[in-house]
Amino acid sequence: MFNTIFDDVEDVLVVNKSKFIVKLYHIKDEENVNFLLDKLRKEHYKANHHVYAYILENDLYKCSDDGEPSKTAGLPALNILRTSNLENVLVVIIRYFGGIKLGTGGLTRAYSEATKKAVNNANILNAYKKELIGYEFEYSFLGKIQNFINSDASYIIKEIIYLDKIKVLIYCDEDLIDNLSKKIIDITSNNVKISYIDKFILYFDKNKKIIKEEKYEH
C-alpha cells in the first residue's frame, strides 16, 4: 500500500517578495514527468527556477535544484513527499525571485513549506496493487463463494456476470492468489474455470470506497 493524490493541486507561497508557485501532480511514469515539466517551463518562461521532485513505484525518484544552491530546493521537496508516504507524485515549485536573498536555510524552509502546503491541500488516496482474477462456475456455488469472499477483506468482488454459468471477477493480492483459487476449487469440487486477467492499482478514499482503478505494467 502507498499514498498518492487524486486531483492536481496548485498553491502559492510568498517569502520575502519571492513567489513560489507549487504544483502537485499524480503521475504514471517519467514520460509523464517530462511532459509536465516542458509544459510548465513554457508557461512560466520568465521564472527564475523550476525546482522539482518526484517518486514513482519501485523506489524510482529524482529531484532537481534547477540552479538553486545544492540540496536547498529539490531534496527538501523530495523529503516531504517521502515523509508523506507518497508515490506516483510529482511536485514542481516555480520561483519568481523577489530581489531579497533567502540564504540556504531560508531556501530549504521555503521549498519545504511550499511542498507541505500543497500536500496538506491534496486529496490523498490509499493505493493498493491487486491482481484481477476471473472464476467461472455453476450457479449453485455462488452463495458459498460470496460468503467466503465477503468474510475476508483481502478480496474484493469487482463484478458478477450472469451467463450460462456465473463468472465472478475478484481483486486479490498477488501473494494470496493461490489461497483464493484453492478455496474456490474446494467449494466447487474443482468445477471451476480460472482466468488471470490483469494487474491493477486500486485507489480508495478515506471511506474505503474504490474511486479509481488503473492498470499497471507487469
N, C-alpha and C. Protein backbone atom coordinates (compact mmCIF):
# COMPACT_ATOMS: atom_id res chain seq x y z
N MET A 1 0.85 -1.20 0.00
CA MET A 1 0.00 0.00 0.00
C MET A 1 0.88 1.25 0.00
N PHE A 2 0.44 2.27 -0.72
CA PHE A 2 1.10 3.56 -0.67
C PHE A 2 0.05 4.65 -0.82
N ASN A 3 0.45 5.88 -0.60
CA ASN A 3 -0.45 7.01 -0.76
C ASN A 3 -0.14 7.73 -2.06
N THR A 4 -1.15 8.29 -2.67
CA THR A 4 -0.97 9.14 -3.83
C THR A 4 -2.05 10.21 -3.79
N ILE A 5 -2.12 11.04 -4.83
CA ILE A 5 -3.14 12.09 -4.86
C ILE A 5 -4.12 11.82 -5.99
N PHE A 6 -5.32 12.34 -5.85
CA PHE A 6 -6.36 12.14 -6.86
C PHE A 6 -6.42 13.31 -7.82
N ASP A 7 -6.58 14.52 -7.28
CA ASP A 7 -6.67 15.73 -8.10
C ASP A 7 -5.35 16.48 -8.06
N ASP A 8 -5.02 17.16 -9.16
CA ASP A 8 -3.85 18.04 -9.15
C ASP A 8 -4.08 19.20 -8.19
N VAL A 9 -2.99 19.69 -7.61
CA VAL A 9 -3.07 20.77 -6.62
C VAL A 9 -2.17 21.92 -7.07
N GLU A 10 -2.64 23.14 -6.87
CA GLU A 10 -1.80 24.33 -7.09
C GLU A 10 -1.92 25.23 -5.89
N ASP A 11 -0.79 25.76 -5.43
CA ASP A 11 -0.80 26.69 -4.30
C ASP A 11 0.30 27.71 -4.51
N VAL A 12 0.30 28.74 -3.68
CA VAL A 12 1.28 29.82 -3.79
C VAL A 12 1.81 30.16 -2.40
N LEU A 13 3.11 30.36 -2.33
CA LEU A 13 3.76 30.80 -1.09
C LEU A 13 4.63 32.00 -1.44
N VAL A 14 4.53 33.06 -0.64
CA VAL A 14 5.35 34.25 -0.83
C VAL A 14 6.26 34.41 0.38
N VAL A 15 7.57 34.48 0.13
CA VAL A 15 8.56 34.63 1.20
C VAL A 15 9.50 35.76 0.80
N ASN A 16 9.50 36.84 1.59
CA ASN A 16 10.39 37.98 1.32
C ASN A 16 10.35 38.40 -0.16
N LYS A 17 9.14 38.56 -0.67
CA LYS A 17 8.86 39.02 -2.03
C LYS A 17 9.14 37.99 -3.13
N SER A 18 9.73 36.84 -2.78
CA SER A 18 9.86 35.77 -3.76
C SER A 18 8.55 34.99 -3.80
N LYS A 19 8.08 34.70 -5.00
CA LYS A 19 6.82 33.99 -5.18
C LYS A 19 7.12 32.54 -5.58
N PHE A 20 6.59 31.60 -4.80
CA PHE A 20 6.77 30.18 -5.07
C PHE A 20 5.41 29.60 -5.48
N ILE A 21 5.29 29.23 -6.74
CA ILE A 21 4.07 28.57 -7.23
C ILE A 21 4.33 27.08 -7.20
N VAL A 22 3.55 26.36 -6.42
CA VAL A 22 3.78 24.92 -6.27
C VAL A 22 2.66 24.15 -6.95
N LYS A 23 3.08 23.15 -7.73
CA LYS A 23 2.14 22.29 -8.47
C LYS A 23 2.40 20.85 -8.05
N LEU A 24 1.32 20.15 -7.74
CA LEU A 24 1.40 18.75 -7.34
C LEU A 24 0.56 17.92 -8.30
N TYR A 25 1.17 16.89 -8.87
CA TYR A 25 0.50 16.09 -9.90
C TYR A 25 0.56 14.60 -9.56
N HIS A 26 -0.50 13.88 -9.96
CA HIS A 26 -0.46 12.42 -9.99
C HIS A 26 0.18 12.02 -11.32
N ILE A 27 1.18 11.15 -11.27
CA ILE A 27 1.90 10.74 -12.48
C ILE A 27 1.97 9.22 -12.57
N LYS A 28 2.24 8.73 -13.80
CA LYS A 28 2.34 7.30 -14.01
C LYS A 28 3.76 6.86 -14.36
N ASP A 29 4.53 7.76 -15.02
CA ASP A 29 5.87 7.37 -15.47
C ASP A 29 6.71 8.62 -15.74
N GLU A 30 7.97 8.40 -16.11
CA GLU A 30 8.89 9.51 -16.36
C GLU A 30 8.51 10.30 -17.60
N GLU A 31 7.88 9.65 -18.55
CA GLU A 31 7.41 10.36 -19.75
C GLU A 31 6.37 11.42 -19.35
N ASN A 32 5.51 11.05 -18.42
CA ASN A 32 4.53 11.98 -17.88
C ASN A 32 5.21 13.17 -17.20
N VAL A 33 6.27 12.89 -16.45
CA VAL A 33 7.04 13.93 -15.77
C VAL A 33 7.63 14.91 -16.78
N ASN A 34 8.28 14.40 -17.81
CA ASN A 34 8.92 15.26 -18.80
C ASN A 34 7.91 16.14 -19.53
N PHE A 35 6.75 15.57 -19.83
CA PHE A 35 5.70 16.34 -20.50
C PHE A 35 5.26 17.52 -19.62
N LEU A 36 5.03 17.27 -18.33
CA LEU A 36 4.56 18.32 -17.43
C LEU A 36 5.62 19.39 -17.20
N LEU A 37 6.89 18.96 -17.07
CA LEU A 37 7.97 19.93 -16.88
C LEU A 37 8.12 20.84 -18.10
N ASP A 38 8.07 20.26 -19.29
CA ASP A 38 8.16 21.07 -20.52
C ASP A 38 7.01 22.07 -20.58
N LYS A 39 5.83 21.62 -20.24
CA LYS A 39 4.65 22.47 -20.27
C LYS A 39 4.78 23.65 -19.31
N LEU A 40 5.25 23.38 -18.09
CA LEU A 40 5.37 24.45 -17.09
C LEU A 40 6.51 25.41 -17.44
N ARG A 41 7.58 24.91 -18.00
CA ARG A 41 8.68 25.79 -18.39
C ARG A 41 8.26 26.76 -19.48
N LYS A 42 7.38 26.30 -20.37
CA LYS A 42 6.86 27.19 -21.42
C LYS A 42 5.88 28.21 -20.84
N GLU A 43 5.03 27.76 -19.93
CA GLU A 43 4.04 28.65 -19.32
C GLU A 43 4.69 29.70 -18.43
N HIS A 44 5.76 29.30 -17.73
CA HIS A 44 6.42 30.20 -16.77
C HIS A 44 7.88 30.43 -17.23
N TYR A 45 8.02 30.88 -18.47
CA TYR A 45 9.36 31.05 -19.04
C TYR A 45 10.15 32.19 -18.40
N LYS A 46 9.45 33.09 -17.70
CA LYS A 46 10.13 34.21 -17.04
C LYS A 46 10.56 33.87 -15.61
N ALA A 47 10.17 32.70 -15.12
CA ALA A 47 10.52 32.31 -13.75
C ALA A 47 12.03 32.07 -13.64
N ASN A 48 12.55 32.25 -12.44
CA ASN A 48 13.99 32.07 -12.21
C ASN A 48 14.37 30.60 -12.02
N HIS A 49 13.47 29.82 -11.43
CA HIS A 49 13.78 28.42 -11.15
C HIS A 49 12.53 27.56 -11.32
N HIS A 50 12.74 26.34 -11.81
CA HIS A 50 11.69 25.32 -11.87
C HIS A 50 12.21 24.09 -11.12
N VAL A 51 12.08 24.13 -9.83
CA VAL A 51 12.54 23.05 -8.96
C VAL A 51 11.52 21.92 -8.99
N TYR A 52 11.99 20.68 -8.96
CA TYR A 52 11.02 19.58 -8.96
C TYR A 52 11.55 18.37 -8.20
N ALA A 53 10.61 17.50 -7.84
CA ALA A 53 10.92 16.21 -7.23
C ALA A 53 9.78 15.27 -7.54
N TYR A 54 10.12 14.00 -7.74
CA TYR A 54 9.05 13.03 -7.95
C TYR A 54 9.46 11.67 -7.39
N ILE A 55 8.43 10.87 -7.09
CA ILE A 55 8.62 9.49 -6.65
C ILE A 55 7.65 8.62 -7.45
N LEU A 56 8.20 7.57 -8.06
CA LEU A 56 7.39 6.58 -8.77
C LEU A 56 7.50 5.24 -8.05
N GLU A 57 6.80 4.25 -8.56
CA GLU A 57 6.85 2.92 -7.98
C GLU A 57 8.27 2.37 -8.00
N ASN A 58 8.48 1.35 -7.16
CA ASN A 58 9.77 0.64 -7.09
C ASN A 58 10.91 1.57 -6.70
N ASP A 59 10.58 2.57 -5.87
CA ASP A 59 11.58 3.50 -5.33
C ASP A 59 12.35 4.23 -6.42
N LEU A 60 11.68 4.57 -7.50
CA LEU A 60 12.27 5.38 -8.56
C LEU A 60 11.97 6.85 -8.26
N TYR A 61 13.02 7.64 -8.07
CA TYR A 61 12.81 9.03 -7.68
C TYR A 61 13.91 9.91 -8.28
N LYS A 62 13.61 11.20 -8.30
CA LYS A 62 14.59 12.18 -8.79
C LYS A 62 14.20 13.55 -8.27
N CYS A 63 15.20 14.41 -8.09
CA CYS A 63 14.92 15.80 -7.72
C CYS A 63 15.94 16.71 -8.37
N SER A 64 15.55 17.97 -8.53
CA SER A 64 16.43 18.95 -9.18
C SER A 64 16.33 20.30 -8.46
N ASP A 65 17.48 20.91 -8.21
CA ASP A 65 17.53 22.26 -7.63
C ASP A 65 17.36 23.34 -8.69
N ASP A 66 17.57 22.99 -9.94
CA ASP A 66 17.43 23.91 -11.08
C ASP A 66 18.09 25.26 -10.83
N GLY A 67 19.34 25.22 -10.41
CA GLY A 67 20.11 26.46 -10.25
C GLY A 67 20.15 27.02 -8.85
N GLU A 68 19.28 26.56 -7.97
CA GLU A 68 19.37 26.97 -6.57
C GLU A 68 20.59 26.28 -5.94
N PRO A 69 21.12 26.79 -4.82
CA PRO A 69 22.25 26.12 -4.17
C PRO A 69 21.96 24.65 -3.89
N SER A 70 22.99 23.83 -4.02
CA SER A 70 22.83 22.38 -3.91
C SER A 70 22.11 21.95 -2.64
N LYS A 71 21.12 21.09 -2.80
CA LYS A 71 20.35 20.46 -1.71
C LYS A 71 19.47 21.42 -0.92
N THR A 72 19.20 22.61 -1.48
CA THR A 72 18.34 23.57 -0.76
C THR A 72 16.91 23.58 -1.31
N ALA A 73 16.66 22.86 -2.39
CA ALA A 73 15.36 23.02 -3.06
C ALA A 73 14.72 21.68 -3.41
N GLY A 74 15.32 20.96 -4.35
CA GLY A 74 14.74 19.69 -4.79
C GLY A 74 14.71 18.63 -3.70
N LEU A 75 15.80 18.51 -2.96
CA LEU A 75 15.86 17.50 -1.90
C LEU A 75 14.86 17.76 -0.78
N PRO A 76 14.74 19.00 -0.28
CA PRO A 76 13.69 19.25 0.73
C PRO A 76 12.29 18.91 0.23
N ALA A 77 12.01 19.21 -1.04
CA ALA A 77 10.70 18.87 -1.61
C ALA A 77 10.52 17.36 -1.66
N LEU A 78 11.56 16.65 -2.09
CA LEU A 78 11.51 15.18 -2.15
C LEU A 78 11.27 14.58 -0.76
N ASN A 79 11.92 15.14 0.25
CA ASN A 79 11.77 14.62 1.61
C ASN A 79 10.35 14.77 2.13
N ILE A 80 9.66 15.83 1.74
CA ILE A 80 8.26 16.00 2.14
C ILE A 80 7.40 14.92 1.48
N LEU A 81 7.65 14.62 0.21
CA LEU A 81 6.91 13.54 -0.46
C LEU A 81 7.17 12.21 0.24
N ARG A 82 8.42 11.98 0.62
CA ARG A 82 8.76 10.71 1.28
C ARG A 82 8.09 10.58 2.64
N THR A 83 8.17 11.61 3.46
CA THR A 83 7.59 11.53 4.80
C THR A 83 6.06 11.46 4.75
N SER A 84 5.49 11.86 3.62
CA SER A 84 4.03 11.73 3.43
C SER A 84 3.65 10.39 2.82
N ASN A 85 4.65 9.52 2.59
CA ASN A 85 4.44 8.19 2.01
C ASN A 85 3.75 8.27 0.66
N LEU A 86 4.14 9.26 -0.15
CA LEU A 86 3.52 9.46 -1.45
C LEU A 86 4.34 8.79 -2.56
N GLU A 87 3.64 8.19 -3.51
CA GLU A 87 4.25 7.65 -4.72
C GLU A 87 3.43 8.08 -5.92
N ASN A 88 4.04 7.95 -7.09
CA ASN A 88 3.39 8.38 -8.34
C ASN A 88 2.94 9.84 -8.25
N VAL A 89 3.83 10.64 -7.68
CA VAL A 89 3.54 12.06 -7.47
C VAL A 89 4.73 12.90 -7.90
N LEU A 90 4.43 14.00 -8.57
CA LEU A 90 5.43 14.99 -8.97
C LEU A 90 5.08 16.32 -8.34
N VAL A 91 6.07 16.98 -7.73
CA VAL A 91 5.90 18.35 -7.27
C VAL A 91 6.85 19.26 -8.04
N VAL A 92 6.33 20.36 -8.54
CA VAL A 92 7.15 21.37 -9.22
C VAL A 92 6.92 22.69 -8.50
N ILE A 93 8.03 23.34 -8.10
CA ILE A 93 7.94 24.63 -7.43
C ILE A 93 8.60 25.67 -8.34
N ILE A 94 7.80 26.59 -8.80
CA ILE A 94 8.26 27.62 -9.74
C ILE A 94 8.54 28.89 -8.94
N ARG A 95 9.78 29.37 -8.97
CA ARG A 95 10.14 30.54 -8.16
C ARG A 95 10.37 31.76 -9.04
N TYR A 96 9.70 32.83 -8.65
CA TYR A 96 9.96 34.17 -9.20
C TYR A 96 10.70 34.95 -8.11
N PHE A 97 11.98 35.25 -8.38
CA PHE A 97 12.82 35.91 -7.39
C PHE A 97 12.32 37.33 -7.11
N GLY A 98 12.22 37.66 -5.81
CA GLY A 98 11.67 38.95 -5.41
C GLY A 98 12.70 40.01 -5.07
N GLY A 99 13.99 39.69 -5.25
CA GLY A 99 15.03 40.69 -5.00
C GLY A 99 15.72 40.57 -3.66
N ILE A 100 15.20 39.72 -2.78
CA ILE A 100 15.81 39.54 -1.46
C ILE A 100 16.32 38.10 -1.35
N LYS A 101 17.62 37.94 -1.11
CA LYS A 101 18.19 36.60 -0.99
C LYS A 101 17.72 35.96 0.31
N LEU A 102 17.40 34.68 0.25
CA LEU A 102 16.87 33.98 1.43
C LEU A 102 17.93 33.20 2.19
N GLY A 103 19.08 32.98 1.57
CA GLY A 103 20.10 32.16 2.22
C GLY A 103 19.75 30.69 2.11
N THR A 104 20.73 29.82 2.39
CA THR A 104 20.49 28.39 2.21
C THR A 104 19.41 27.87 3.16
N GLY A 105 19.44 28.31 4.40
CA GLY A 105 18.43 27.87 5.36
C GLY A 105 17.04 28.36 4.98
N GLY A 106 16.97 29.60 4.53
CA GLY A 106 15.69 30.17 4.12
C GLY A 106 15.12 29.48 2.89
N LEU A 107 15.99 29.12 1.95
CA LEU A 107 15.54 28.41 0.77
C LEU A 107 15.00 27.02 1.13
N THR A 108 15.73 26.31 1.98
CA THR A 108 15.29 24.97 2.40
C THR A 108 13.92 25.05 3.06
N ARG A 109 13.74 26.03 3.95
CA ARG A 109 12.44 26.18 4.62
C ARG A 109 11.34 26.54 3.63
N ALA A 110 11.65 27.41 2.68
CA ALA A 110 10.64 27.86 1.71
C ALA A 110 10.18 26.72 0.82
N TYR A 111 11.13 25.95 0.28
CA TYR A 111 10.75 24.85 -0.62
C TYR A 111 10.05 23.72 0.15
N SER A 112 10.47 23.50 1.40
CA SER A 112 9.79 22.51 2.23
C SER A 112 8.37 22.95 2.53
N GLU A 113 8.21 24.21 2.93
CA GLU A 113 6.89 24.73 3.28
C GLU A 113 5.95 24.75 2.07
N ALA A 114 6.48 25.12 0.91
CA ALA A 114 5.65 25.16 -0.30
C ALA A 114 5.13 23.76 -0.64
N THR A 115 6.01 22.77 -0.56
CA THR A 115 5.60 21.40 -0.85
C THR A 115 4.61 20.89 0.18
N LYS A 116 4.88 21.16 1.45
CA LYS A 116 4.00 20.72 2.52
C LYS A 116 2.61 21.35 2.39
N LYS A 117 2.58 22.60 1.99
CA LYS A 117 1.30 23.31 1.82
C LYS A 117 0.45 22.63 0.75
N ALA A 118 1.07 22.25 -0.35
CA ALA A 118 0.33 21.57 -1.43
C ALA A 118 -0.13 20.19 -0.98
N VAL A 119 0.74 19.45 -0.31
CA VAL A 119 0.38 18.10 0.17
C VAL A 119 -0.79 18.18 1.15
N ASN A 120 -0.77 19.16 2.03
CA ASN A 120 -1.84 19.30 3.02
C ASN A 120 -3.18 19.63 2.37
N ASN A 121 -3.15 20.22 1.19
CA ASN A 121 -4.39 20.57 0.49
C ASN A 121 -4.80 19.50 -0.53
N ALA A 122 -4.04 18.42 -0.61
CA ALA A 122 -4.32 17.38 -1.60
C ALA A 122 -5.36 16.39 -1.09
N ASN A 123 -6.07 15.80 -2.04
CA ASN A 123 -6.99 14.71 -1.75
C ASN A 123 -6.17 13.42 -1.79
N ILE A 124 -5.75 12.95 -0.61
CA ILE A 124 -4.86 11.80 -0.52
C ILE A 124 -5.66 10.50 -0.62
N LEU A 125 -5.18 9.60 -1.46
CA LEU A 125 -5.81 8.30 -1.63
C LEU A 125 -4.86 7.20 -1.18
N ASN A 126 -5.45 6.11 -0.66
CA ASN A 126 -4.67 4.89 -0.40
C ASN A 126 -4.70 4.04 -1.65
N ALA A 127 -3.54 3.59 -2.09
CA ALA A 127 -3.44 2.81 -3.32
C ALA A 127 -2.93 1.40 -3.01
N TYR A 128 -3.58 0.40 -3.62
CA TYR A 128 -3.21 -0.99 -3.42
C TYR A 128 -3.01 -1.66 -4.77
N LYS A 129 -1.94 -2.43 -4.90
CA LYS A 129 -1.70 -3.21 -6.11
C LYS A 129 -2.45 -4.53 -5.99
N LYS A 130 -3.26 -4.83 -7.02
CA LYS A 130 -4.08 -6.03 -6.99
C LYS A 130 -4.00 -6.76 -8.33
N GLU A 131 -4.23 -8.06 -8.28
CA GLU A 131 -4.43 -8.87 -9.48
C GLU A 131 -5.94 -9.05 -9.66
N LEU A 132 -6.41 -9.06 -10.90
CA LEU A 132 -7.82 -9.32 -11.18
C LEU A 132 -7.93 -10.74 -11.75
N ILE A 133 -8.69 -11.58 -11.04
CA ILE A 133 -8.83 -12.98 -11.40
C ILE A 133 -10.30 -13.27 -11.71
N GLY A 134 -10.54 -14.08 -12.74
CA GLY A 134 -11.89 -14.48 -13.09
C GLY A 134 -12.14 -15.94 -12.73
N TYR A 135 -13.29 -16.22 -12.13
CA TYR A 135 -13.68 -17.60 -11.77
C TYR A 135 -15.06 -17.88 -12.37
N GLU A 136 -15.16 -18.93 -13.16
CA GLU A 136 -16.42 -19.29 -13.81
C GLU A 136 -16.88 -20.65 -13.28
N PHE A 137 -18.14 -20.71 -12.80
CA PHE A 137 -18.63 -21.93 -12.16
C PHE A 137 -20.16 -21.98 -12.23
N GLU A 138 -20.74 -23.07 -11.74
CA GLU A 138 -22.19 -23.25 -11.75
C GLU A 138 -22.86 -22.31 -10.74
N TYR A 139 -24.11 -21.96 -11.02
CA TYR A 139 -24.88 -21.05 -10.18
C TYR A 139 -24.98 -21.54 -8.73
N SER A 140 -25.03 -22.82 -8.54
CA SER A 140 -25.27 -23.38 -7.20
C SER A 140 -24.16 -23.06 -6.21
N PHE A 141 -22.97 -22.69 -6.71
CA PHE A 141 -21.84 -22.41 -5.83
C PHE A 141 -21.74 -20.93 -5.43
N LEU A 142 -22.55 -20.07 -6.04
CA LEU A 142 -22.38 -18.63 -5.87
C LEU A 142 -22.50 -18.19 -4.42
N GLY A 143 -23.52 -18.66 -3.71
CA GLY A 143 -23.74 -18.23 -2.33
C GLY A 143 -22.55 -18.50 -1.44
N LYS A 144 -22.02 -19.72 -1.49
CA LYS A 144 -20.87 -20.08 -0.64
C LYS A 144 -19.64 -19.25 -0.99
N ILE A 145 -19.44 -19.02 -2.29
CA ILE A 145 -18.26 -18.25 -2.71
C ILE A 145 -18.40 -16.79 -2.28
N GLN A 146 -19.59 -16.22 -2.43
CA GLN A 146 -19.81 -14.84 -1.97
C GLN A 146 -19.58 -14.71 -0.47
N ASN A 147 -20.07 -15.69 0.30
CA ASN A 147 -19.88 -15.65 1.75
C ASN A 147 -18.39 -15.68 2.10
N PHE A 148 -17.64 -16.52 1.39
CA PHE A 148 -16.21 -16.59 1.65
C PHE A 148 -15.51 -15.28 1.30
N ILE A 149 -15.79 -14.75 0.12
CA ILE A 149 -15.14 -13.51 -0.33
C ILE A 149 -15.48 -12.36 0.62
N ASN A 150 -16.74 -12.24 0.99
CA ASN A 150 -17.18 -11.12 1.84
C ASN A 150 -16.67 -11.23 3.27
N SER A 151 -16.19 -12.40 3.66
CA SER A 151 -15.70 -12.59 5.03
C SER A 151 -14.23 -12.22 5.16
N ASP A 152 -13.57 -11.92 4.06
CA ASP A 152 -12.13 -11.64 4.07
C ASP A 152 -11.86 -10.35 3.30
N ALA A 153 -11.40 -9.32 4.00
CA ALA A 153 -11.17 -8.00 3.39
C ALA A 153 -10.04 -8.02 2.37
N SER A 154 -9.29 -9.11 2.30
CA SER A 154 -8.19 -9.21 1.33
C SER A 154 -8.72 -9.33 -0.10
N TYR A 155 -9.99 -9.76 -0.25
CA TYR A 155 -10.57 -9.99 -1.56
C TYR A 155 -11.71 -9.01 -1.81
N ILE A 156 -11.82 -8.57 -3.07
CA ILE A 156 -12.86 -7.61 -3.45
C ILE A 156 -13.52 -8.10 -4.73
N ILE A 157 -14.84 -8.24 -4.70
CA ILE A 157 -15.56 -8.61 -5.91
C ILE A 157 -15.73 -7.37 -6.79
N LYS A 158 -15.20 -7.43 -8.00
CA LYS A 158 -15.36 -6.34 -8.95
C LYS A 158 -16.69 -6.45 -9.68
N GLU A 159 -17.03 -7.67 -10.12
CA GLU A 159 -18.23 -7.83 -10.95
C GLU A 159 -18.68 -9.28 -10.92
N ILE A 160 -19.99 -9.50 -10.98
CA ILE A 160 -20.57 -10.83 -11.16
C ILE A 160 -21.31 -10.82 -12.49
N ILE A 161 -20.93 -11.73 -13.38
CA ILE A 161 -21.51 -11.80 -14.72
C ILE A 161 -22.40 -13.03 -14.80
N TYR A 162 -23.65 -12.80 -15.13
CA TYR A 162 -24.63 -13.88 -15.16
C TYR A 162 -24.84 -14.33 -16.62
N LEU A 163 -24.28 -15.49 -16.96
CA LEU A 163 -24.46 -16.07 -18.29
C LEU A 163 -24.95 -17.52 -18.11
N ASP A 164 -24.56 -18.44 -18.99
CA ASP A 164 -24.91 -19.84 -18.79
C ASP A 164 -24.34 -20.34 -17.46
N LYS A 165 -23.17 -19.82 -17.14
CA LYS A 165 -22.57 -20.04 -15.83
C LYS A 165 -22.28 -18.68 -15.19
N ILE A 166 -21.99 -18.69 -13.92
CA ILE A 166 -21.60 -17.47 -13.20
C ILE A 166 -20.12 -17.21 -13.43
N LYS A 167 -19.77 -15.96 -13.70
CA LYS A 167 -18.36 -15.57 -13.72
C LYS A 167 -18.17 -14.44 -12.73
N VAL A 168 -17.27 -14.63 -11.78
CA VAL A 168 -17.00 -13.63 -10.75
C VAL A 168 -15.59 -13.09 -10.95
N LEU A 169 -15.47 -11.77 -11.05
CA LEU A 169 -14.16 -11.12 -11.16
C LEU A 169 -13.76 -10.61 -9.79
N ILE A 170 -12.59 -11.02 -9.33
CA ILE A 170 -12.16 -10.75 -7.96
C ILE A 170 -10.78 -10.10 -7.96
N TYR A 171 -10.66 -8.98 -7.20
CA TYR A 171 -9.35 -8.37 -6.95
C TYR A 171 -8.70 -9.09 -5.78
N CYS A 172 -7.39 -9.34 -5.92
CA CYS A 172 -6.68 -10.12 -4.91
C CYS A 172 -5.22 -9.71 -4.88
N ASP A 173 -4.59 -9.71 -3.70
CA ASP A 173 -3.15 -9.51 -3.61
C ASP A 173 -2.44 -10.66 -4.32
N GLU A 174 -1.32 -10.36 -4.95
CA GLU A 174 -0.61 -11.38 -5.72
C GLU A 174 -0.24 -12.59 -4.87
N ASP A 175 0.18 -12.35 -3.63
CA ASP A 175 0.62 -13.46 -2.79
C ASP A 175 -0.54 -14.27 -2.19
N LEU A 176 -1.78 -13.84 -2.45
CA LEU A 176 -2.94 -14.57 -1.94
C LEU A 176 -3.73 -15.29 -3.04
N ILE A 177 -3.26 -15.19 -4.27
CA ILE A 177 -3.99 -15.80 -5.38
C ILE A 177 -4.13 -17.31 -5.20
N ASP A 178 -3.04 -17.98 -4.80
CA ASP A 178 -3.09 -19.44 -4.63
C ASP A 178 -4.11 -19.83 -3.57
N ASN A 179 -4.13 -19.08 -2.45
CA ASN A 179 -5.08 -19.38 -1.38
C ASN A 179 -6.52 -19.21 -1.87
N LEU A 180 -6.76 -18.11 -2.60
CA LEU A 180 -8.09 -17.85 -3.12
C LEU A 180 -8.53 -18.95 -4.08
N SER A 181 -7.66 -19.28 -5.01
CA SER A 181 -8.01 -20.29 -6.01
C SER A 181 -8.24 -21.66 -5.36
N LYS A 182 -7.41 -22.03 -4.39
CA LYS A 182 -7.58 -23.32 -3.71
C LYS A 182 -8.92 -23.39 -2.99
N LYS A 183 -9.31 -22.27 -2.37
CA LYS A 183 -10.59 -22.25 -1.66
C LYS A 183 -11.75 -22.41 -2.64
N ILE A 184 -11.71 -21.70 -3.76
CA ILE A 184 -12.81 -21.79 -4.74
C ILE A 184 -12.82 -23.16 -5.41
N ILE A 185 -11.65 -23.73 -5.65
CA ILE A 185 -11.58 -25.10 -6.19
C ILE A 185 -12.22 -26.08 -5.21
N ASP A 186 -11.96 -25.87 -3.92
CA ASP A 186 -12.54 -26.74 -2.89
C ASP A 186 -14.06 -26.60 -2.84
N ILE A 187 -14.56 -25.36 -2.87
CA ILE A 187 -16.00 -25.11 -2.81
C ILE A 187 -16.71 -25.73 -4.00
N THR A 188 -16.10 -25.64 -5.18
CA THR A 188 -16.74 -26.10 -6.42
C THR A 188 -16.36 -27.53 -6.78
N SER A 189 -15.61 -28.19 -5.89
CA SER A 189 -15.11 -29.55 -6.19
C SER A 189 -14.37 -29.59 -7.53
N ASN A 190 -13.60 -28.53 -7.75
CA ASN A 190 -12.74 -28.39 -8.93
C ASN A 190 -13.53 -28.17 -10.23
N ASN A 191 -14.80 -27.80 -10.09
CA ASN A 191 -15.60 -27.48 -11.28
C ASN A 191 -15.59 -25.97 -11.50
N VAL A 192 -14.42 -25.45 -11.83
CA VAL A 192 -14.25 -24.01 -11.99
C VAL A 192 -13.21 -23.73 -13.08
N LYS A 193 -13.47 -22.71 -13.83
CA LYS A 193 -12.51 -22.25 -14.84
C LYS A 193 -11.89 -20.96 -14.32
N ILE A 194 -10.55 -20.91 -14.27
CA ILE A 194 -9.84 -19.77 -13.69
C ILE A 194 -9.11 -19.02 -14.80
N SER A 195 -9.25 -17.70 -14.82
CA SER A 195 -8.55 -16.87 -15.81
C SER A 195 -7.89 -15.68 -15.12
N TYR A 196 -6.61 -15.48 -15.40
CA TYR A 196 -5.86 -14.35 -14.84
C TYR A 196 -5.98 -13.20 -15.84
N ILE A 197 -6.55 -12.09 -15.40
CA ILE A 197 -6.95 -11.03 -16.32
C ILE A 197 -5.88 -9.95 -16.46
N ASP A 198 -5.53 -9.25 -15.36
CA ASP A 198 -4.55 -8.18 -15.45
C ASP A 198 -4.18 -7.69 -14.06
N LYS A 199 -3.21 -6.77 -14.03
CA LYS A 199 -2.78 -6.14 -12.78
C LYS A 199 -3.35 -4.73 -12.71
N PHE A 200 -3.77 -4.33 -11.52
CA PHE A 200 -4.37 -3.01 -11.34
C PHE A 200 -3.84 -2.36 -10.07
N ILE A 201 -3.90 -1.03 -10.06
CA ILE A 201 -3.79 -0.28 -8.81
C ILE A 201 -5.18 0.24 -8.49
N LEU A 202 -5.66 -0.05 -7.30
CA LEU A 202 -6.96 0.43 -6.84
C LEU A 202 -6.75 1.61 -5.90
N TYR A 203 -7.53 2.67 -6.11
CA TYR A 203 -7.42 3.88 -5.29
C TYR A 203 -8.66 3.99 -4.41
N PHE A 204 -8.43 4.07 -3.09
CA PHE A 204 -9.51 4.14 -2.12
C PHE A 204 -9.53 5.52 -1.45
N ASP A 205 -10.74 6.04 -1.21
CA ASP A 205 -10.85 7.28 -0.45
C ASP A 205 -10.85 6.97 1.04
N LYS A 206 -11.04 7.99 1.88
CA LYS A 206 -10.97 7.80 3.33
C LYS A 206 -12.09 6.92 3.87
N ASN A 207 -13.15 6.74 3.07
CA ASN A 207 -14.26 5.87 3.46
C ASN A 207 -14.10 4.45 2.93
N LYS A 208 -12.90 4.12 2.43
CA LYS A 208 -12.56 2.80 1.91
C LYS A 208 -13.36 2.44 0.66
N LYS A 209 -13.79 3.45 -0.07
CA LYS A 209 -14.53 3.23 -1.31
C LYS A 209 -13.57 3.35 -2.48
N ILE A 210 -13.67 2.41 -3.43
CA ILE A 210 -12.84 2.48 -4.64
C ILE A 210 -13.35 3.60 -5.52
N ILE A 211 -12.48 4.56 -5.82
CA ILE A 211 -12.91 5.67 -6.67
C ILE A 211 -12.17 5.69 -8.01
N LYS A 212 -11.16 4.82 -8.13
CA LYS A 212 -10.42 4.78 -9.39
C LYS A 212 -9.65 3.47 -9.47
N GLU A 213 -9.52 2.94 -10.67
CA GLU A 213 -8.66 1.77 -10.90
C GLU A 213 -7.80 2.05 -12.12
N GLU A 214 -6.58 1.53 -12.08
CA GLU A 214 -5.61 1.88 -13.13
C GLU A 214 -4.73 0.67 -13.40
N LYS A 215 -4.63 0.26 -14.65
CA LYS A 215 -3.73 -0.83 -14.99
C LYS A 215 -2.29 -0.39 -14.79
N TYR A 216 -1.47 -1.35 -14.40
CA TYR A 216 -0.04 -1.02 -14.32
C TYR A 216 0.77 -2.12 -14.99
N GLU A 217 1.99 -1.75 -15.37
CA GLU A 217 2.83 -2.65 -16.16
C GLU A 217 3.27 -3.85 -15.32
N HIS A 218 3.35 -4.99 -15.97
CA HIS A 218 3.81 -6.21 -15.31
C HIS A 218 5.29 -6.13 -15.03
